[in-house]
């Protein structure tokens, strides 16, 4: 198991380095002059642009700029203009000339909480509904559950979000409208403020997982080892949970790993719908303002989170199916 995780971690490091290099090249080499962007659209003084060029270290070779950027994330940097940027240093925003990391540190708990809460909701609801549908295969519950899953997979967050707010928050008062979590000072209020956003975000995902789980469970129940277990006199529930569910779990975990990027994408739309201040809204504002350092920082942070969660998922996969550790 240790060797398996070591290989995965080393592979993740290579992936992140490649992502950072490509991202840095695209953001700082291919677009318009970052110094001009930092100066503003109405900046036409070549002297000011040259000064900003020097203060940002853009007069250095590209490889030196990239090395300074990457080492600054771990050790901090002294910028060419004399500013001190403590680790982890992602540079300074073009929009407000403030260090980027404090902004990300303030925003990422909202996105991370939304992603984790939404994932827990759609896995519990989707997998549970799919298992019940497989258990009741061909019966009324199976047909109703399949119809609900198809309907849920056809709607979008920006459509059901306002409806959920109007119905469950404004009219019925069952949930809060949704607000940014403050885990250190109000954990209960933080959970209350994320319940409705997480449930809304989970709808389009649990609909898919319900159908996937049903198909996987039905396929597992037709396998030879399941028929052999039944022939030995094992109970239907024992065979269902002990053998069929375990066989389907590996595929469900794999699908979840593939969907991680979509989960973060869903979090961005949910933040916009509920007015939450997370990395999604931060990225949208960075794109609107052409704030390249902030865009790159959000991208690298999101990529690191996705890769880290994939390693955790691979570890869970290896625990369920020991054969994976040898691959």
Protein backbone atom coordinates (compact mmCIF):
# COMPACT_ATOMS: atom_id res chain seq x y z
CA UNK A 1 0.00 0.00 0.00
CA UNK A 2 2.84 2.39 0.84
CA UNK A 3 4.51 1.77 -2.52
CA UNK A 4 1.19 2.34 -4.28
CA UNK A 5 0.63 5.68 -2.53
CA UNK A 6 4.24 6.72 -3.14
CA UNK A 7 3.83 6.16 -6.89
CA UNK A 8 0.59 8.13 -6.89
CA UNK A 9 2.11 11.05 -4.96
CA UNK A 10 5.15 11.22 -7.25
CA UNK A 11 2.90 11.12 -10.28
CA UNK A 12 0.76 13.90 -8.80
CA UNK A 13 3.84 16.07 -8.27
CA UNK A 14 4.84 15.63 -11.92
CA UNK A 15 1.32 16.54 -13.03
CA UNK A 16 1.22 19.68 -10.88
CA UNK A 17 4.63 20.82 -12.13
CA UNK A 18 3.47 20.33 -15.71
CA UNK A 19 0.24 22.23 -15.04
CA UNK A 20 2.11 25.09 -13.42
CA UNK A 21 4.60 25.35 -16.29
CA UNK A 22 1.95 25.31 -19.01
CA UNK A 23 -0.24 27.74 -17.08
CA UNK A 24 2.62 30.15 -16.44
CA UNK A 25 3.63 30.05 -20.10
CA UNK A 26 0.10 30.69 -21.31
CA UNK A 27 -0.60 33.50 -18.87
CA UNK A 28 2.70 35.34 -18.98
CA UNK A 29 4.09 34.66 -22.47
CA UNK A 30 1.20 34.30 -24.92
CA UNK A 31 -1.20 37.08 -23.81
CA UNK A 32 -0.66 40.82 -24.02
CA UNK A 33 2.12 42.35 -21.92
CA UNK A 34 1.22 41.73 -18.24
CA UNK A 35 2.83 45.05 -17.34
CA UNK A 36 0.38 46.82 -19.64
CA UNK A 37 -2.51 44.90 -18.08
CA UNK A 38 -1.32 45.80 -14.59
CA UNK A 39 -1.02 49.44 -15.61
CA UNK A 40 -4.61 49.57 -16.85
CA UNK A 41 -6.44 50.09 -20.12
CA UNK A 42 -5.92 53.87 -20.09
CA UNK A 43 -2.19 53.69 -19.34
CA UNK A 44 -0.27 55.03 -22.36
CA UNK A 45 2.97 56.21 -20.75
CA UNK A 46 5.82 53.90 -21.92
CA UNK A 47 7.93 54.92 -18.93
CA UNK A 48 5.31 53.75 -16.44
CA UNK A 49 4.94 50.46 -18.32
CA UNK A 50 8.72 49.91 -18.27
CA UNK A 51 8.77 50.63 -14.53
CA UNK A 52 6.00 48.12 -13.89
CA UNK A 53 7.81 45.66 -16.15
CA UNK A 54 10.85 45.89 -13.88
CA UNK A 55 8.88 45.82 -10.61
CA UNK A 56 7.16 42.61 -11.68
CA UNK A 57 10.45 41.00 -12.71
CA UNK A 58 9.27 40.62 -16.31
CA UNK A 59 12.63 41.81 -17.63
CA UNK A 60 14.20 38.53 -16.47
CA UNK A 61 14.38 35.41 -18.67
CA UNK A 62 11.18 33.39 -18.72
CA UNK A 63 12.77 30.36 -17.04
CA UNK A 64 14.07 32.61 -14.22
CA UNK A 65 10.61 34.13 -13.78
CA UNK A 66 9.06 30.66 -13.55
CA UNK A 67 11.71 29.45 -11.07
CA UNK A 68 11.23 32.49 -8.86
CA UNK A 69 7.45 32.01 -8.97
CA UNK A 70 7.57 28.34 -8.00
CA UNK A 71 10.18 28.74 -5.25
CA UNK A 72 8.21 31.70 -3.90
CA UNK A 73 5.23 29.43 -3.27
CA UNK A 74 7.31 27.42 -0.80
CA UNK A 75 9.84 29.92 0.55
CA UNK A 76 8.34 33.34 -0.11
CA UNK A 77 9.84 36.10 -2.27
CA UNK A 78 11.30 39.53 -2.15
CA UNK A 79 9.77 41.19 -5.18
CA UNK A 80 11.94 43.37 -7.48
CA UNK A 81 10.05 46.45 -6.25
CA UNK A 82 11.09 45.70 -2.67
CA UNK A 83 7.81 44.23 -1.42
CA UNK A 84 8.03 41.18 0.79
CA UNK A 85 5.71 38.30 -0.16
CA UNK A 86 5.73 35.58 2.54
CA UNK A 87 5.16 31.92 1.69
CA UNK A 88 3.03 30.75 0.11
CA UNK A 89 3.60 33.58 -2.35
CA UNK A 90 1.43 33.64 -5.48
CA UNK A 91 2.38 37.20 -6.31
CA UNK A 92 0.28 40.35 -6.17
CA UNK A 93 -3.07 41.08 -7.76
CA UNK A 94 -3.20 43.41 -10.76
CA UNK A 95 -6.53 44.80 -9.54
CA UNK A 96 -5.57 45.97 -6.04
CA UNK A 97 -1.81 45.29 -5.72
CA UNK A 98 -2.46 43.08 -2.69
CA UNK A 99 -0.88 39.72 -1.94
CA UNK A 100 -2.98 36.95 -3.48
CA UNK A 101 -2.68 34.19 -0.88
CA UNK A 102 -4.66 35.97 1.90
CA UNK A 103 -7.55 36.38 -0.56
CA UNK A 104 -7.47 32.69 -1.51
CA UNK A 105 -7.17 31.67 2.15
CA UNK A 106 -10.29 33.72 2.89
CA UNK A 107 -12.29 32.25 -0.02
CA UNK A 108 -11.33 28.59 -0.28
CA UNK A 109 -13.20 27.37 2.88
CA UNK A 110 -16.49 28.26 1.18
CA UNK A 111 -15.70 26.37 -2.03
CA UNK A 112 -14.16 23.41 -0.19
CA UNK A 113 -17.11 23.16 2.20
CA UNK A 114 -19.54 23.34 -0.69
CA UNK A 115 -17.66 20.69 -2.68
CA UNK A 116 -17.39 18.29 0.27
CA UNK A 117 -20.96 18.84 1.44
CA UNK A 118 -22.39 18.53 -2.06
CA UNK A 119 -20.36 15.39 -2.73
CA UNK A 120 -21.53 13.77 0.50
CA UNK A 121 -25.13 14.63 -0.36
CA UNK A 122 -25.13 13.27 -3.90
CA UNK A 123 -23.20 10.13 -2.97
CA UNK A 124 -25.55 9.28 -0.11
CA UNK A 125 -28.74 10.11 -2.01
CA UNK A 126 -27.62 8.85 -5.42
CA UNK A 127 -25.99 5.59 -4.33
CA UNK A 128 -28.76 4.89 -1.82
CA UNK A 129 -31.51 5.48 -4.37
CA UNK A 130 -29.68 3.38 -6.97
CA UNK A 131 -29.29 0.48 -4.54
CA UNK A 132 -32.97 0.54 -3.64
CA UNK A 133 -33.91 0.68 -7.32
CA UNK A 134 -31.69 -2.33 -8.05
CA UNK A 135 -33.18 -4.21 -5.09
CA UNK A 136 -36.68 -3.45 -6.39
CA UNK A 137 -35.75 -4.06 -10.04
CA UNK A 138 -38.78 -4.00 -12.33
CA UNK A 139 -41.17 -2.90 -9.57
CA UNK A 140 -42.98 0.40 -9.09
CA UNK A 141 -40.27 1.94 -6.93
CA UNK A 142 -37.65 1.18 -9.59
CA UNK A 143 -39.68 2.89 -12.31
CA UNK A 144 -40.44 5.93 -10.14
CA UNK A 145 -36.81 6.27 -9.03
CA UNK A 146 -35.59 6.02 -12.63
CA UNK A 147 -38.04 8.73 -13.72
CA UNK A 148 -36.99 11.04 -10.88
CA UNK A 149 -33.32 10.49 -11.72
CA UNK A 150 -33.92 11.31 -15.37
CA UNK A 151 -35.79 14.48 -14.39
CA UNK A 152 -33.06 15.55 -11.96
CA UNK A 153 -30.38 15.00 -14.58
CA UNK A 154 -32.23 17.29 -16.98
CA UNK A 155 -32.32 20.42 -14.80
CA UNK A 156 -29.53 22.89 -14.02
CA UNK A 157 -28.33 24.56 -10.83
CA UNK A 158 -29.13 28.07 -12.01
CA UNK A 159 -32.74 26.95 -12.61
CA UNK A 160 -33.50 24.96 -9.47
CA UNK A 161 -31.42 27.21 -7.20
CA UNK A 162 -33.77 30.25 -7.26
CA UNK A 163 -36.78 27.92 -7.05
CA UNK A 164 -35.34 26.19 -3.98
CA UNK A 165 -34.60 29.55 -2.33
CA UNK A 166 -38.13 30.81 -3.00
CA UNK A 167 -39.83 27.60 -1.83
CA UNK A 168 -37.72 26.20 1.01
CA UNK A 169 -36.18 29.41 2.37
CA UNK A 170 -38.67 32.20 1.69
CA UNK A 171 -42.03 30.40 1.84
CA UNK A 172 -41.52 27.35 4.05
CA UNK A 173 -38.56 28.62 6.07
CA UNK A 174 -36.99 25.18 6.30
CA UNK A 175 -33.48 26.31 5.33
CA UNK A 176 -31.33 29.41 5.38
CA UNK A 177 -30.85 31.28 2.13
CA UNK A 178 -27.18 30.29 2.14
CA UNK A 179 -24.18 32.19 3.41
CA UNK A 180 -20.42 31.86 3.69
CA UNK A 181 -19.27 29.53 6.48
CA UNK A 182 -17.40 30.78 9.53
CA UNK A 183 -16.28 27.47 11.00
CA UNK A 184 -14.12 28.88 13.77
CA UNK A 185 -16.77 31.14 15.31
CA UNK A 186 -20.12 29.60 14.28
CA UNK A 187 -19.90 25.96 13.11
CA UNK A 188 -23.62 25.30 13.56
CA UNK A 189 -24.58 28.40 11.59
CA UNK A 190 -22.05 27.44 8.93
CA UNK A 191 -23.70 24.06 8.45
CA UNK A 192 -27.15 25.66 8.38
CA UNK A 193 -26.05 28.14 5.73
CA UNK A 194 -24.65 25.44 3.45
CA UNK A 195 -27.43 22.83 3.62
CA UNK A 196 -29.60 24.28 0.85
CA UNK A 197 -26.69 25.14 -1.52
CA UNK A 198 -25.24 21.64 -1.06
CA UNK A 199 -28.58 19.97 -1.72
CA UNK A 200 -29.20 22.07 -4.83
CA UNK A 201 -25.70 21.37 -6.12
CA UNK A 202 -26.14 17.63 -5.50
CA UNK A 203 -29.29 17.24 -7.63
CA UNK A 204 -27.63 16.98 -11.05
CA UNK A 205 -25.01 14.62 -9.62
CA UNK A 206 -27.12 12.24 -7.54
CA UNK A 207 -29.44 11.78 -10.50
CA UNK A 208 -26.54 10.40 -12.52
CA UNK A 209 -25.14 8.33 -9.64
CA UNK A 210 -28.55 6.81 -9.02
CA UNK A 211 -28.73 5.48 -12.58
CA UNK A 212 -25.08 4.41 -12.56
CA UNK A 213 -25.41 2.58 -9.24
CA UNK A 214 -28.57 0.80 -10.35
CA UNK A 215 -26.90 -0.41 -13.55
CA UNK A 216 -23.74 -1.51 -11.74
CA UNK A 217 -25.65 -3.36 -9.02
CA UNK A 218 -27.86 -5.17 -11.54
CA UNK A 219 -24.77 -6.15 -13.51
CA UNK A 220 -23.06 -7.44 -10.36
CA UNK A 221 -26.12 -9.46 -9.36
CA UNK A 222 -25.91 -11.37 -12.64
CA UNK A 223 -22.26 -12.39 -12.11
CA UNK A 224 -21.31 -16.05 -11.62
CA UNK A 225 -19.90 -15.56 -8.12
CA UNK A 226 -23.22 -14.04 -7.00
CA UNK A 227 -25.15 -17.04 -8.32
CA UNK A 228 -22.63 -19.32 -6.61
CA UNK A 229 -23.13 -17.51 -3.30
CA UNK A 230 -26.88 -17.88 -3.59
CA UNK A 231 -26.50 -21.56 -4.49
CA UNK A 232 -24.59 -22.04 -1.22
CA UNK A 233 -27.64 -20.83 0.68
CA UNK A 234 -26.53 -17.30 1.52
CA UNK A 235 -29.34 -14.82 2.15
CA UNK A 236 -30.33 -12.32 -0.51
CA UNK A 237 -29.54 -9.27 1.64
CA UNK A 238 -26.14 -10.67 2.63
CA UNK A 239 -25.21 -11.36 -0.99
CA UNK A 240 -26.54 -7.95 -2.04
CA UNK A 241 -24.49 -5.96 0.45
CA UNK A 242 -21.47 -8.23 0.91
CA UNK A 243 -20.71 -9.10 -2.71
CA UNK A 244 -22.75 -7.02 -5.18
CA UNK A 245 -22.24 -3.68 -3.41
CA UNK A 246 -18.52 -4.25 -2.96
CA UNK A 247 -18.14 -5.12 -6.63
CA UNK A 248 -20.02 -1.98 -7.69
CA UNK A 249 -18.24 0.29 -5.18
CA UNK A 250 -14.95 0.25 -7.08
CA UNK A 251 -16.62 1.53 -10.25
CA UNK A 252 -18.55 4.18 -8.31
CA UNK A 253 -15.34 5.46 -6.74
CA UNK A 254 -13.71 5.61 -10.17
CA UNK A 255 -16.63 7.62 -11.56
CA UNK A 256 -16.41 9.98 -8.59
CA UNK A 257 -12.72 10.57 -9.26
CA UNK A 258 -13.50 11.48 -12.86
CA UNK A 259 -16.29 13.83 -11.72
CA UNK A 260 -14.14 15.83 -9.29
CA UNK A 261 -13.54 18.56 -11.86
CA UNK A 262 -17.27 18.78 -12.48
CA UNK A 263 -17.88 19.03 -8.73
CA UNK A 264 -15.71 22.14 -8.54
CA UNK A 265 -17.46 23.48 -11.64
CA UNK A 266 -20.81 22.91 -9.97
CA UNK A 267 -19.53 24.71 -6.88
CA UNK A 268 -18.72 27.78 -8.99
CA UNK A 269 -22.27 27.95 -10.40
CA UNK A 270 -23.77 27.32 -6.96
CA UNK A 271 -21.72 30.15 -5.45
CA UNK A 272 -23.04 32.51 -8.09
CA UNK A 273 -26.64 31.36 -7.56
CA UNK A 274 -26.57 31.73 -3.78
CA UNK A 275 -24.28 34.75 -3.60
CA UNK A 276 -21.47 32.87 -1.84
CA UNK A 277 -17.93 34.26 -1.88
CA UNK A 278 -15.71 31.35 -2.83
CA UNK A 279 -12.99 30.57 -5.34
CA UNK A 280 -15.56 30.40 -8.13
CA UNK A 281 -16.63 34.01 -7.80
CA UNK A 282 -13.00 34.98 -7.25
CA UNK A 283 -12.03 33.32 -10.54
CA UNK A 284 -14.89 35.01 -12.39
CA UNK A 285 -13.83 38.42 -11.08
CA UNK A 286 -10.21 37.71 -12.00
CA UNK A 287 -11.19 36.87 -15.57
CA UNK A 288 -13.40 39.97 -15.81
CA UNK A 289 -10.56 42.20 -14.59
CA UNK A 290 -7.87 40.33 -16.58
CA UNK A 291 -6.03 39.75 -13.29
CA UNK A 292 -3.50 37.17 -14.53
CA UNK A 293 -1.68 36.44 -11.23
CA UNK A 294 -4.99 35.82 -9.48
CA UNK A 295 -6.27 33.63 -12.32
CA UNK A 296 -3.13 31.51 -12.20
CA UNK A 297 -3.20 31.22 -8.41
CA UNK A 298 -6.83 30.03 -8.42
CA UNK A 299 -6.06 27.53 -11.18
CA UNK A 300 -3.03 26.09 -9.38
CA UNK A 301 -4.86 25.89 -6.07
CA UNK A 302 -7.86 24.15 -7.69
CA UNK A 303 -5.59 21.72 -9.57
CA UNK A 304 -3.77 20.86 -6.34
CA UNK A 305 -7.08 20.22 -4.56
CA UNK A 306 -8.35 17.98 -7.37
CA UNK A 307 -5.09 15.99 -7.56
CA UNK A 308 -5.05 15.57 -3.77
CA UNK A 309 -8.62 14.28 -3.71
CA UNK A 310 -7.77 11.89 -6.55
CA UNK A 311 -4.95 10.42 -4.47
CA UNK A 312 -7.39 9.88 -1.59
CA UNK A 313 -9.85 8.23 -3.97
CA UNK A 314 -7.10 5.99 -5.38
CA UNK A 315 -6.27 4.93 -1.82
CA UNK A 316 -9.92 4.06 -1.15
CA UNK A 317 -10.04 2.18 -4.45
CA UNK A 318 -6.94 0.17 -3.47
CA UNK A 319 -8.48 -0.72 -0.10
CA UNK A 320 -11.62 -2.06 -1.80
CA UNK A 321 -9.77 -3.93 -4.57
CA UNK A 322 -6.25 -5.07 -3.51
CA UNK A 323 -5.41 -5.93 -7.13
CA UNK A 324 -5.15 -2.19 -7.86
CA UNK A 325 -2.09 -1.90 -5.61
CA UNK A 326 -0.13 -4.08 -8.00
CA UNK A 327 -0.92 -1.96 -11.05
